């Protein structure tokens, strides 16, 4: 079957007057609407990011920091109200101090009473 032979036998149909202009006008309006919506989305995303960044940046200043040591407790709270049994220890700070200190000496001892041949110092 030769499709082109059948199509050539059909009469040409013309579009109604103003059809092409109406289609192009509709496409241009849709494109403008898409651009407007895209700009609105980016604007809202930027505003939300700005609000989130503001909350993150300024929220530590709005809250009062918790008491971390007994020295700061005596300055902030009158004595007799709060008694801390355990004071938190920041080991990361201690390790940084030890690693920065060039005079640190590490002494390695054998922990077990039995002699273990695999241990090497």
PDB file of N, CA and C in Angstrom:
ATOM      1  N   UNK A   1       0.831  -1.179   0.000  1.00  0.00           N
ATOM      2  CA  UNK A   1       0.000   0.000   0.000  1.00  0.00           C
ATOM      3  C   UNK A   1       0.874   1.239   0.000  1.00  0.00           C
ATOM      4  N   UNK A   2       0.566   2.103  -0.876  1.00  0.00           N
ATOM      5  CA  UNK A   2       1.313   3.337  -1.005  1.00  0.00           C
ATOM      6  C   UNK A   2       0.472   4.457  -0.391  1.00  0.00           C
ATOM      7  N   UNK A   3       0.840   4.888   0.814  1.00  0.00           N
ATOM      8  CA  UNK A   3       0.078   5.884   1.557  1.00  0.00           C
ATOM      9  C   UNK A   3       0.134   7.236   0.859  1.00  0.00           C
ATOM     10  N   UNK A   4       1.279   7.556   0.317  1.00  0.00           N
ATOM     11  CA  UNK A   4       1.435   8.861  -0.327  1.00  0.00           C
ATOM     12  C   UNK A   4       0.491   9.004  -1.520  1.00  0.00           C
ATOM     13  N   UNK A   5       0.254   7.933  -2.230  1.00  0.00           N
ATOM     14  CA  UNK A   5      -0.643   7.990  -3.390  1.00  0.00           C
ATOM     15  C   UNK A   5      -2.065   8.330  -2.947  1.00  0.00           C
ATOM     16  N   UNK A   6      -2.507   7.776  -1.813  1.00  0.00           N
ATOM     17  CA  UNK A   6      -3.847   8.087  -1.310  1.00  0.00           C
ATOM     18  C   UNK A   6      -3.931   9.517  -0.771  1.00  0.00           C
ATOM     19  N   UNK A   7      -2.849   9.974  -0.116  1.00  0.00           N
ATOM     20  CA  UNK A   7      -2.854  11.332   0.432  1.00  0.00           C
ATOM     21  C   UNK A   7      -2.852  12.375  -0.672  1.00  0.00           C
ATOM     22  N   UNK A   8      -2.193  12.098  -1.771  1.00  0.00           N
ATOM     23  CA  UNK A   8      -2.154  13.060  -2.868  1.00  0.00           C
ATOM     24  C   UNK A   8      -3.538  13.218  -3.512  1.00  0.00           C
ATOM     25  N   UNK A   9      -4.327  12.200  -3.414  1.00  0.00           N
ATOM     26  CA  UNK A   9      -5.656  12.265  -4.014  1.00  0.00           C
ATOM     27  C   UNK A   9      -6.640  13.079  -3.192  1.00  0.00           C
ATOM     28  N   UNK A  10      -6.317  13.391  -1.932  1.00  0.00           N
ATOM     29  CA  UNK A  10      -7.225  14.162  -1.085  1.00  0.00           C
ATOM     30  C   UNK A  10      -7.075  15.655  -1.347  1.00  0.00           C
ATOM     31  N   UNK A  11      -8.156  16.363  -1.135  1.00  0.00           N
ATOM     32  CA  UNK A  11      -8.125  17.810  -1.312  1.00  0.00           C
ATOM     33  C   UNK A  11      -7.413  18.454  -0.132  1.00  0.00           C
ATOM     34  N   UNK A  12      -6.769  19.550  -0.375  1.00  0.00           N
ATOM     35  CA  UNK A  12      -6.082  20.317   0.681  1.00  0.00           C
ATOM     36  C   UNK A  12      -7.118  21.076   1.479  1.00  0.00           C
ATOM     37  N   UNK A  13      -6.940  21.078   2.793  1.00  0.00           N
ATOM     38  CA  UNK A  13      -7.853  21.794   3.672  1.00  0.00           C
ATOM     39  C   UNK A  13      -7.097  22.978   4.235  1.00  0.00           C
ATOM     40  N   UNK A  14      -7.726  24.132   4.241  1.00  0.00           N
ATOM     41  CA  UNK A  14      -7.062  25.321   4.788  1.00  0.00           C
ATOM     42  C   UNK A  14      -7.636  25.595   6.174  1.00  0.00           C
ATOM     43  N   UNK A  15      -6.795  26.178   7.013  1.00  0.00           N
ATOM     44  CA  UNK A  15      -7.206  26.499   8.379  1.00  0.00           C
ATOM     45  C   UNK A  15      -8.168  27.672   8.347  1.00  0.00           C
ATOM     46  N   UNK A  16      -9.038  27.775   9.348  1.00  0.00           N
ATOM     47  CA  UNK A  16      -9.954  28.918   9.392  1.00  0.00           C
ATOM     48  C   UNK A  16      -9.163  30.218   9.518  1.00  0.00           C
ATOM     49  N   UNK A  17      -9.730  31.312   9.110  1.00  0.00           N
ATOM     50  CA  UNK A  17      -8.998  32.578   9.198  1.00  0.00           C
ATOM     51  C   UNK A  17      -8.708  32.948  10.658  1.00  0.00           C
ATOM     52  N   UNK A  18      -7.480  33.340  10.939  1.00  0.00           N
ATOM     53  CA  UNK A  18      -7.045  33.747  12.264  1.00  0.00           C
ATOM     54  C   UNK A  18      -6.624  32.584  13.166  1.00  0.00           C
ATOM     55  N   UNK A  19      -6.677  31.352  12.682  1.00  0.00           N
ATOM     56  CA  UNK A  19      -6.336  30.185  13.500  1.00  0.00           C
ATOM     57  C   UNK A  19      -4.861  30.190  13.896  1.00  0.00           C
ATOM     58  N   UNK A  20      -4.002  30.434  12.914  1.00  0.00           N
ATOM     59  CA  UNK A  20      -2.555  30.417  13.191  1.00  0.00           C
ATOM     60  C   UNK A  20      -2.181  31.513  14.184  1.00  0.00           C
ATOM     61  N   UNK A  21      -2.754  32.684  14.017  1.00  0.00           N
ATOM     62  CA  UNK A  21      -2.462  33.795  14.936  1.00  0.00           C
ATOM     63  C   UNK A  21      -2.971  33.481  16.336  1.00  0.00           C
ATOM     64  N   UNK A  22      -4.126  32.841  16.453  1.00  0.00           N
ATOM     65  CA  UNK A  22      -4.678  32.490  17.766  1.00  0.00           C
ATOM     66  C   UNK A  22      -3.799  31.453  18.465  1.00  0.00           C
ATOM     67  N   UNK A  23      -3.296  30.497  17.715  1.00  0.00           N
ATOM     68  CA  UNK A  23      -2.418  29.468  18.304  1.00  0.00           C
ATOM     69  C   UNK A  23      -1.121  30.095  18.789  1.00  0.00           C
ATOM     70  N   UNK A  24      -0.507  30.957  17.972  1.00  0.00           N
ATOM     71  CA  UNK A  24       0.756  31.588  18.362  1.00  0.00           C
ATOM     72  C   UNK A  24       0.558  32.522  19.552  1.00  0.00           C
ATOM     73  N   UNK A  25      -0.591  33.219  19.608  1.00  0.00           N
ATOM     74  CA  UNK A  25      -0.882  34.090  20.750  1.00  0.00           C
ATOM     75  C   UNK A  25      -1.049  33.267  22.024  1.00  0.00           C
ATOM     76  N   UNK A  26      -1.751  32.149  21.927  1.00  0.00           N
ATOM     77  CA  UNK A  26      -1.935  31.263  23.084  1.00  0.00           C
ATOM     78  C   UNK A  26      -0.605  30.698  23.578  1.00  0.00           C
ATOM     79  N   UNK A  27       0.281  30.330  22.661  1.00  0.00           N
ATOM     80  CA  UNK A  27       1.603  29.815  23.052  1.00  0.00           C
ATOM     81  C   UNK A  27       2.426  30.891  23.758  1.00  0.00           C
ATOM     82  N   UNK A  28       2.361  32.116  23.244  1.00  0.00           N
ATOM     83  CA  UNK A  28       3.115  33.206  23.871  1.00  0.00           C
ATOM     84  C   UNK A  28       2.591  33.490  25.285  1.00  0.00           C
ATOM     85  N   UNK A  29       1.252  33.452  25.461  1.00  0.00           N
ATOM     86  CA  UNK A  29       0.682  33.684  26.797  1.00  0.00           C
ATOM     87  C   UNK A  29       1.079  32.580  27.770  1.00  0.00           C
ATOM     88  N   UNK A  30       1.068  31.340  27.318  1.00  0.00           N
ATOM     89  CA  UNK A  30       1.479  30.222  28.184  1.00  0.00           C
ATOM     90  C   UNK A  30       2.951  30.332  28.577  1.00  0.00           C
ATOM     91  N   UNK A  31       3.773  30.765  27.632  1.00  0.00           N
ATOM     92  CA  UNK A  31       5.198  30.918  27.932  1.00  0.00           C
ATOM     93  C   UNK A  31       5.409  32.007  28.980  1.00  0.00           C
ATOM     94  N   UNK A  32       4.686  33.127  28.847  1.00  0.00           N
ATOM     95  CA  UNK A  32       4.795  34.200  29.837  1.00  0.00           C
ATOM     96  C   UNK A  32       4.331  33.725  31.215  1.00  0.00           C
ATOM     97  N   UNK A  33       3.252  32.946  31.246  1.00  0.00           N
ATOM     98  CA  UNK A  33       2.740  32.429  32.523  1.00  0.00           C
ATOM     99  C   UNK A  33       3.753  31.483  33.162  1.00  0.00           C
ATOM    100  N   UNK A  34       4.382  30.628  32.365  1.00  0.00           N
ATOM    101  CA  UNK A  34       5.406  29.715  32.908  1.00  0.00           C
ATOM    102  C   UNK A  34       6.582  30.485  33.473  1.00  0.00           C
ATOM    103  N   UNK A  35       7.013  31.539  32.766  1.00  0.00           N
ATOM    104  CA  UNK A  35       8.133  32.351  33.252  1.00  0.00           C
ATOM    105  C   UNK A  35       7.756  33.034  34.563  1.00  0.00           C
ATOM    106  N   UNK A  36       6.520  33.559  34.658  1.00  0.00           N
ATOM    107  CA  UNK A  36       6.062  34.194  35.895  1.00  0.00           C
ATOM    108  C   UNK A  36       6.043  33.201  37.050  1.00  0.00           C
ATOM    109  N   UNK A  37       5.502  32.014  36.812  1.00  0.00           N
ATOM    110  CA  UNK A  37       5.453  31.006  37.874  1.00  0.00           C
ATOM    111  C   UNK A  37       6.851  30.578  38.301  1.00  0.00           C
ATOM    112  N   UNK A  38       7.769  30.429  37.339  1.00  0.00           N
ATOM    113  CA  UNK A  38       9.143  30.042  37.660  1.00  0.00           C
ATOM    114  C   UNK A  38       9.808  31.123  38.500  1.00  0.00           C
ATOM    115  N   UNK A  39       9.606  32.393  38.151  1.00  0.00           N
ATOM    116  CA  UNK A  39      10.169  33.488  38.947  1.00  0.00           C
ATOM    117  C   UNK A  39       9.574  33.498  40.353  1.00  0.00           C
ATOM    118  N   UNK A  40       8.274  33.253  40.468  1.00  0.00           N
ATOM    119  CA  UNK A  40       7.626  33.206  41.774  1.00  0.00           C
ATOM    120  C   UNK A  40       8.180  32.054  42.613  1.00  0.00           C
ATOM    121  N   UNK A  41       8.384  30.899  41.989  1.00  0.00           N
ATOM    122  CA  UNK A  41       8.949  29.757  42.723  1.00  0.00           C
ATOM    123  C   UNK A  41      10.344  30.067  43.237  1.00  0.00           C
ATOM    124  N   UNK A  42      11.189  30.655  42.388  1.00  0.00           N
ATOM    125  CA  UNK A  42      12.546  31.001  42.823  1.00  0.00           C
ATOM    126  C   UNK A  42      12.516  32.072  43.920  1.00  0.00           C
ATOM    127  N   UNK A  43      11.587  33.020  43.806  1.00  0.00           N
ATOM    128  CA  UNK A  43      11.471  34.059  44.832  1.00  0.00           C
ATOM    129  C   UNK A  43      11.082  33.460  46.165  1.00  0.00           C
ATOM    130  N   UNK A  44      10.090  32.574  46.166  1.00  0.00           N
ATOM    131  CA  UNK A  44       9.657  31.939  47.404  1.00  0.00           C
ATOM    132  C   UNK A  44      10.745  31.033  47.985  1.00  0.00           C
ATOM    133  N   UNK A  45      11.454  30.332  47.122  1.00  0.00           N
ATOM    134  CA  UNK A  45      12.541  29.480  47.610  1.00  0.00           C
ATOM    135  C   UNK A  45      13.647  30.323  48.242  1.00  0.00           C
ATOM    136  N   UNK A  46      13.974  31.448  47.626  1.00  0.00           N
ATOM    137  CA  UNK A  46      14.979  32.342  48.198  1.00  0.00           C
ATOM    138  C   UNK A  46      14.535  32.941  49.518  1.00  0.00           C
ATOM    139  N   UNK A  47      13.266  33.329  49.601  1.00  0.00           N
ATOM    140  CA  UNK A  47      12.752  33.889  50.854  1.00  0.00           C
ATOM    141  C   UNK A  47      12.760  32.834  51.963  1.00  0.00           C
ATOM    142  N   UNK A  48      12.376  31.605  51.623  1.00  0.00           N
ATOM    143  CA  UNK A  48      12.390  30.530  52.628  1.00  0.00           C
ATOM    144  C   UNK A  48      13.820  30.236  53.082  1.00  0.00           C
ATOM    145  N   UNK A  49      14.766  30.237  52.157  1.00  0.00           N
ATOM    146  CA  UNK A  49      16.167  30.013  52.532  1.00  0.00           C
ATOM    147  C   UNK A  49      16.688  31.134  53.416  1.00  0.00           C
ATOM    148  N   UNK A  50      16.282  32.364  53.125  1.00  0.00           N
ATOM    149  CA  UNK A  50      16.707  33.501  53.941  1.00  0.00           C
ATOM    150  C   UNK A  50      16.132  33.417  55.351  1.00  0.00           C
ATOM    151  N   UNK A  51      14.851  33.045  55.466  1.00  0.00           N
ATOM    152  CA  UNK A  51      14.235  32.901  56.786  1.00  0.00           C
ATOM    153  C   UNK A  51      14.911  31.776  57.564  1.00  0.00           C
ATOM    154  N   UNK A  52      15.169  30.654  56.920  1.00  0.00           N
ATOM    155  CA  UNK A  52      15.829  29.526  57.582  1.00  0.00           C
ATOM    156  C   UNK A  52      17.236  29.896  58.025  1.00  0.00           C
ATOM    157  N   UNK A  53      17.982  30.589  57.162  1.00  0.00           N
ATOM    158  CA  UNK A  53      19.334  31.021  57.536  1.00  0.00           C
ATOM    159  C   UNK A  53      19.300  31.992  58.707  1.00  0.00           C
ATOM    160  N   UNK A  54      18.323  32.885  58.729  1.00  0.00           N
ATOM    161  CA  UNK A  54      18.186  33.830  59.840  1.00  0.00           C
ATOM    162  C   UNK A  54      17.885  33.096  61.138  1.00  0.00           C
ATOM    163  N   UNK A  55      17.001  32.120  61.076  1.00  0.00           N
ATOM    164  CA  UNK A  55      16.683  31.346  62.280  1.00  0.00           C
ATOM    165  C   UNK A  55      17.908  30.592  62.778  1.00  0.00           C
ATOM    166  N   UNK A  56      18.639  29.983  61.864  1.00  0.00           N
ATOM    167  CA  UNK A  56      19.822  29.213  62.261  1.00  0.00           C
ATOM    168  C   UNK A  56      20.904  30.126  62.828  1.00  0.00           C
ATOM    169  N   UNK A  57      21.102  31.280  62.225  1.00  0.00           N
ATOM    170  CA  UNK A  57      22.172  32.175  62.664  1.00  0.00           C
ATOM    171  C   UNK A  57      21.858  32.814  64.008  1.00  0.00           C
ATOM    172  N   UNK A  58      20.627  33.275  64.181  1.00  0.00           N
ATOM    173  CA  UNK A  58      20.310  34.036  65.383  1.00  0.00           C
ATOM    174  C   UNK A  58      19.681  33.227  66.515  1.00  0.00           C
ATOM    175  N   UNK A  59      19.366  31.971  66.307  1.00  0.00           N
ATOM    176  CA  UNK A  59      18.736  31.209  67.381  1.00  0.00           C
ATOM    177  C   UNK A  59      19.675  30.915  68.556  1.00  0.00           C
ATOM    178  N   UNK A  60      20.979  30.690  68.388  1.00  0.00           N
ATOM    179  CA  UNK A  60      21.820  30.475  69.577  1.00  0.00           C
ATOM    180  C   UNK A  60      21.889  31.705  70.479  1.00  0.00           C
ATOM    181  N   UNK A  61      21.744  32.902  69.912  1.00  0.00           N
ATOM    182  CA  UNK A  61      21.826  34.111  70.719  1.00  0.00           C
ATOM    183  C   UNK A  61      20.531  34.342  71.493  1.00  0.00           C
ATOM    184  N   UNK A  62      19.422  33.796  71.008  1.00  0.00           N
ATOM    185  CA  UNK A  62      18.140  34.004  71.669  1.00  0.00           C
ATOM    186  C   UNK A  62      18.002  33.114  72.902  1.00  0.00           C
ATOM    187  N   UNK A  63      18.640  31.946  72.871  1.00  0.00           N
ATOM    188  CA  UNK A  63      18.540  31.019  73.995  1.00  0.00           C
ATOM    189  C   UNK A  63      19.687  31.228  74.955  1.00  0.00           C
ATOM    190  N   UNK A  64      19.419  30.961  76.207  1.00  0.00           N
ATOM    191  CA  UNK A  64      20.458  31.035  77.220  1.00  0.00           C
ATOM    192  C   UNK A  64      21.199  29.702  77.228  1.00  0.00           C
ATOM    193  N   UNK A  65      22.502  29.741  77.213  1.00  0.00           N
ATOM    194  CA  UNK A  65      23.267  28.505  77.170  1.00  0.00           C
ATOM    195  C   UNK A  65      23.174  27.786  78.508  1.00  0.00           C
ATOM    196  N   UNK A  66      23.175  26.445  78.498  1.00  0.00           N
ATOM    197  CA  UNK A  66      23.088  25.702  79.754  1.00  0.00           C
ATOM    198  C   UNK A  66      24.380  25.818  80.552  1.00  0.00           C
ATOM    199  N   UNK A  67      24.278  25.550  81.826  1.00  0.00           N
ATOM    200  CA  UNK A  67      25.438  25.621  82.706  1.00  0.00           C
ATOM    201  C   UNK A  67      26.348  24.445  82.388  1.00  0.00           C
ATOM    202  N   UNK A  68      27.625  24.722  82.073  1.00  0.00           N
ATOM    203  CA  UNK A  68      28.551  23.667  81.689  1.00  0.00           C
ATOM    204  C   UNK A  68      29.532  23.299  82.789  1.00  0.00           C
ATOM    205  N   UNK A  69      29.756  24.158  83.746  1.00  0.00           N
ATOM    206  CA  UNK A  69      30.711  23.830  84.796  1.00  0.00           C
ATOM    207  C   UNK A  69      30.286  24.486  86.098  1.00  0.00           C
ATOM    208  N   UNK A  70      30.904  24.070  87.161  1.00  0.00           N
ATOM    209  CA  UNK A  70      30.579  24.632  88.468  1.00  0.00           C
ATOM    210  C   UNK A  70      31.024  26.091  88.570  1.00  0.00           C
ATOM    211  N   UNK A  71      32.071  26.474  87.844  1.00  0.00           N
ATOM    212  CA  UNK A  71      32.538  27.860  87.881  1.00  0.00           C
ATOM    213  C   UNK A  71      31.480  28.797  87.304  1.00  0.00           C
ATOM    214  N   UNK A  72      30.863  28.404  86.201  1.00  0.00           N
ATOM    215  CA  UNK A  72      29.817  29.247  85.619  1.00  0.00           C
ATOM    216  C   UNK A  72      28.537  29.174  86.436  1.00  0.00           C
ATOM    217  N   UNK A  73      28.319  28.089  87.165  1.00  0.00           N
ATOM    218  CA  UNK A  73      27.141  27.962  87.999  1.00  0.00           C
ATOM    219  C   UNK A  73      27.156  28.986  89.120  1.00  0.00           C
ATOM    220  N   UNK A  74      28.306  29.210  89.721  1.00  0.00           N
ATOM    221  CA  UNK A  74      28.373  30.130  90.848  1.00  0.00           C
ATOM    222  C   UNK A  74      28.113  31.574  90.413  1.00  0.00           C
ATOM    223  N   UNK A  75      28.357  31.892  89.146  1.00  0.00           N
ATOM    224  CA  UNK A  75      28.127  33.251  88.667  1.00  0.00           C
ATOM    225  C   UNK A  75      26.660  33.477  88.294  1.00  0.00           C
ATOM    226  N   UNK A  76      25.990  32.440  87.783  1.00  0.00           N
ATOM    227  CA  UNK A  76      24.648  32.619  87.245  1.00  0.00           C
ATOM    228  C   UNK A  76      23.538  32.327  88.246  1.00  0.00           C
ATOM    229  N   UNK A  77      23.676  31.273  89.039  1.00  0.00           N
ATOM    230  CA  UNK A  77      22.599  30.820  89.902  1.00  0.00           C
ATOM    231  C   UNK A  77      23.015  31.017  91.358  1.00  0.00           C
ATOM    232  N   UNK A  78      22.118  31.530  92.178  1.00  0.00           N
ATOM    233  CA  UNK A  78      22.470  31.665  93.593  1.00  0.00           C
ATOM    234  C   UNK A  78      22.714  30.287  94.213  1.00  0.00           C
ATOM    235  N   UNK A  79      23.649  30.189  95.157  1.00  0.00           N
ATOM    236  CA  UNK A  79      23.982  28.884  95.734  1.00  0.00           C
ATOM    237  C   UNK A  79      22.791  28.293  96.476  1.00  0.00           C
ATOM    238  N   UNK A  80      22.730  26.971  96.491  1.00  0.00           N
ATOM    239  CA  UNK A  80      21.676  26.270  97.190  1.00  0.00           C
ATOM    240  C   UNK A  80      20.519  25.859  96.311  1.00  0.00           C
ATOM    241  N   UNK A  81      20.389  26.412  95.121  1.00  0.00           N
ATOM    242  CA  UNK A  81      19.282  26.047  94.245  1.00  0.00           C
ATOM    243  C   UNK A  81      19.605  24.814  93.409  1.00  0.00           C
ATOM    244  N   UNK A  82      20.800  24.782  92.812  1.00  0.00           N
ATOM    245  CA  UNK A  82      21.156  23.690  91.914  1.00  0.00           C
ATOM    246  C   UNK A  82      22.437  23.045  92.417  1.00  0.00           C
ATOM    247  N   UNK A  83      22.421  21.729  92.457  1.00  0.00           N
ATOM    248  CA  UNK A  83      23.617  20.991  92.854  1.00  0.00           C
ATOM    249  C   UNK A  83      23.922  19.993  91.745  1.00  0.00           C
ATOM    250  N   UNK A  84      25.067  20.152  91.089  1.00  0.00           N
ATOM    251  CA  UNK A  84      25.490  19.238  90.041  1.00  0.00           C
ATOM    252  C   UNK A  84      26.347  18.145  90.652  1.00  0.00           C
ATOM    253  N   UNK A  85      25.992  16.912  90.379  1.00  0.00           N
ATOM    254  CA  UNK A  85      26.750  15.790  90.910  1.00  0.00           C
ATOM    255  C   UNK A  85      27.885  15.433  89.957  1.00  0.00           C
ATOM    256  N   UNK A  86      27.613  15.473  88.663  1.00  0.00           N
ATOM    257  CA  UNK A  86      28.615  15.111  87.665  1.00  0.00           C
ATOM    258  C   UNK A  86      28.837  16.308  86.759  1.00  0.00           C
ATOM    259  N   UNK A  87      30.087  16.663  86.579  1.00  0.00           N
ATOM    260  CA  UNK A  87      30.421  17.760  85.675  1.00  0.00           C
ATOM    261  C   UNK A  87      30.831  17.163  84.341  1.00  0.00           C
ATOM    262  N   UNK A  88      30.271  17.660  83.232  1.00  0.00           N
ATOM    263  CA  UNK A  88      30.624  17.083  81.930  1.00  0.00           C
ATOM    264  C   UNK A  88      32.079  17.355  81.588  1.00  0.00           C
ATOM    265  N   UNK A  89      32.675  16.416  80.881  1.00  0.00           N
ATOM    266  CA  UNK A  89      34.085  16.510  80.501  1.00  0.00           C
ATOM    267  C   UNK A  89      34.172  16.487  78.985  1.00  0.00           C
ATOM    268  N   UNK A  90      34.791  17.492  78.416  1.00  0.00           N
ATOM    269  CA  UNK A  90      34.960  17.569  76.970  1.00  0.00           C
ATOM    270  C   UNK A  90      36.298  16.938  76.605  1.00  0.00           C
ATOM    271  N   UNK A  91      36.267  15.670  76.186  1.00  0.00           N
ATOM    272  CA  UNK A  91      37.508  14.957  75.868  1.00  0.00           C
ATOM    273  C   UNK A  91      38.125  15.434  74.562  1.00  0.00           C
ATOM    274  N   UNK A  92      37.315  15.955  73.670  1.00  0.00           N
ATOM    275  CA  UNK A  92      37.887  16.452  72.414  1.00  0.00           C
ATOM    276  C   UNK A  92      38.847  17.601  72.683  1.00  0.00           C
ATOM    277  N   UNK A  93      38.476  18.495  73.571  1.00  0.00           N
ATOM    278  CA  UNK A  93      39.346  19.620  73.902  1.00  0.00           C
ATOM    279  C   UNK A  93      40.633  19.121  74.563  1.00  0.00           C
ATOM    280  N   UNK A  94      40.509  18.115  75.437  1.00  0.00           N
ATOM    281  CA  UNK A  94      41.681  17.562  76.104  1.00  0.00           C
ATOM    282  C   UNK A  94      42.626  16.904  75.093  1.00  0.00           C
ATOM    283  N   UNK A  95      42.065  16.195  74.122  1.00  0.00           N
ATOM    284  CA  UNK A  95      42.899  15.539  73.107  1.00  0.00           C
ATOM    285  C   UNK A  95      43.585  16.586  72.225  1.00  0.00           C
ATOM    286  N   UNK A  96      42.878  17.671  71.917  1.00  0.00           N
ATOM    287  CA  UNK A  96      43.506  18.724  71.118  1.00  0.00           C
ATOM    288  C   UNK A  96      44.656  19.351  71.883  1.00  0.00           C
ATOM    289  N   UNK A  97      44.451  19.586  73.165  1.00  0.00           N
ATOM    290  CA  UNK A  97      45.533  20.154  73.969  1.00  0.00           C
ATOM    291  C   UNK A  97      46.725  19.215  74.004  1.00  0.00           C
ATOM    292  N   UNK A  98      46.473  17.929  74.155  1.00  0.00           N
ATOM    293  CA  UNK A  98      47.559  16.956  74.225  1.00  0.00           C
ATOM    294  C   UNK A  98      48.279  16.843  72.882  1.00  0.00           C
ATOM    295  N   UNK A  99      47.548  16.928  71.784  1.00  0.00           N
ATOM    296  CA  UNK A  99      48.191  16.793  70.482  1.00  0.00           C
ATOM    297  C   UNK A  99      48.960  18.055  70.112  1.00  0.00           C
ATOM    298  N   UNK A 100      48.535  19.218  70.587  1.00  0.00           N
ATOM    299  CA  UNK A 100      49.248  20.453  70.282  1.00  0.00           C
ATOM    300  C   UNK A 100      50.523  20.595  71.101  1.00  0.00           C
ATOM    301  N   UNK A 101      50.562  19.932  72.244  1.00  0.00           N
ATOM    302  CA  UNK A 101      51.696  20.044  73.146  1.00  0.00           C
ATOM    303  C   UNK A 101      52.822  19.150  72.633  1.00  0.00           C
ATOM    304  N   UNK A 102      53.969  19.748  72.298  1.00  0.00           N
ATOM    305  CA  UNK A 102      55.090  18.967  71.767  1.00  0.00           C
ATOM    306  C   UNK A 102      55.838  18.214  72.854  1.00  0.00           C
ATOM    307  N   UNK A 103      55.596  18.507  74.132  1.00  0.00           N
ATOM    308  CA  UNK A 103      56.317  17.866  75.217  1.00  0.00           C
ATOM    309  C   UNK A 103      55.531  16.709  75.825  1.00  0.00           C
ATOM    310  N   UNK A 104      54.500  16.254  75.179  1.00  0.00           N
ATOM    311  CA  UNK A 104      53.701  15.153  75.701  1.00  0.00           C
ATOM    312  C   UNK A 104      54.471  13.851  75.554  1.00  0.00           C
ATOM    313  N   UNK A 105      54.501  13.055  76.628  1.00  0.00           N
ATOM    314  CA  UNK A 105      55.185  11.769  76.613  1.00  0.00           C
ATOM    315  C   UNK A 105      54.147  10.701  76.911  1.00  0.00           C
ATOM    316  N   UNK A 106      54.095   9.690  76.074  1.00  0.00           N
ATOM    317  CA  UNK A 106      53.174   8.584  76.281  1.00  0.00           C
ATOM    318  C   UNK A 106      53.968   7.401  76.808  1.00  0.00           C
ATOM    319  N   UNK A 107      53.564   6.863  77.947  1.00  0.00           N
ATOM    320  CA  UNK A 107      54.243   5.717  78.559  1.00  0.00           C
ATOM    321  C   UNK A 107      53.372   4.493  78.310  1.00  0.00           C
ATOM    322  N   UNK A 108      53.958   3.483  77.689  1.00  0.00           N
ATOM    323  CA  UNK A 108      53.222   2.267  77.377  1.00  0.00           C
ATOM    324  C   UNK A 108      53.601   1.198  78.383  1.00  0.00           C
ATOM    325  N   UNK A 109      52.613   0.596  79.007  1.00  0.00           N
ATOM    326  CA  UNK A 109      52.845  -0.441  80.001  1.00  0.00           C
ATOM    327  C   UNK A 109      52.148  -1.715  79.575  1.00  0.00           C
ATOM    328  N   UNK A 110      52.675  -2.833  80.021  1.00  0.00           N
ATOM    329  CA  UNK A 110      52.013  -4.098  79.792  1.00  0.00           C
ATOM    330  C   UNK A 110      50.908  -4.234  80.823  1.00  0.00           C
ATOM    331  N   UNK A 111      49.700  -4.534  80.368  1.00  0.00           N
ATOM    332  CA  UNK A 111      48.551  -4.570  81.258  1.00  0.00           C
ATOM    333  C   UNK A 111      48.368  -5.965  81.861  1.00  0.00           C
ATOM    334  N   UNK A 112      48.661  -6.989  81.100  1.00  0.00           N
ATOM    335  CA  UNK A 112      48.437  -8.354  81.552  1.00  0.00           C
ATOM    336  C   UNK A 112      49.616  -8.842  82.383  1.00  0.00           C
ATOM    337  N   UNK A 113      49.334  -9.759  83.348  1.00  0.00           N
ATOM    338  CA  UNK A 113      50.404 -10.365  84.137  1.00  0.00           C
ATOM    339  C   UNK A 113      51.159 -11.404  83.329  1.00  0.00           C
ATOM    340  N   UNK A 114      50.497 -12.025  82.375  1.00  0.00           N
ATOM    341  CA  UNK A 114      51.139 -13.041  81.540  1.00  0.00           C
ATOM    342  C   UNK A 114      51.943 -12.362  80.440  1.00  0.00           C
ATOM    343  N   UNK A 115      53.047 -12.985  80.067  1.00  0.00           N
ATOM    344  CA  UNK A 115      53.870 -12.463  78.981  1.00  0.00           C
ATOM    345  C   UNK A 115      53.254 -12.881  77.658  1.00  0.00           C
ATOM    346  N   UNK A 116      52.920 -11.892  76.826  1.00  0.00           N
ATOM    347  CA  UNK A 116      52.319 -12.167  75.522  1.00  0.00           C
ATOM    348  C   UNK A 116      53.348 -11.795  74.468  1.00  0.00           C
ATOM    349  N   UNK A 117      53.696 -12.756  73.623  1.00  0.00           N
ATOM    350  CA  UNK A 117      54.754 -12.563  72.636  1.00  0.00           C
ATOM    351  C   UNK A 117      54.321 -11.656  71.475  1.00  0.00           C
ATOM    352  N   UNK A 118      53.004 -11.555  71.194  1.00  0.00           N
ATOM    353  CA  UNK A 118      52.552 -10.806  70.043  1.00  0.00           C
ATOM    354  C   UNK A 118      52.577  -9.292  70.271  1.00  0.00           C
ATOM    355  N   UNK A 119      52.675  -8.838  71.500  1.00  0.00           N
ATOM    356  CA  UNK A 119      52.641  -7.404  71.777  1.00  0.00           C
ATOM    357  C   UNK A 119      54.000  -6.799  71.452  1.00  0.00           C
ATOM    358  N   UNK A 120      54.005  -5.742  70.696  1.00  0.00           N
ATOM    359  CA  UNK A 120      55.242  -5.009  70.438  1.00  0.00           C
ATOM    360  C   UNK A 120      54.975  -3.536  70.668  1.00  0.00           C
ATOM    361  N   UNK A 121      55.942  -2.867  71.276  1.00  0.00           N
ATOM    362  CA  UNK A 121      55.783  -1.459  71.600  1.00  0.00           C
ATOM    363  C   UNK A 121      56.619  -0.626  70.652  1.00  0.00           C
TER     364      UNK A 121
END
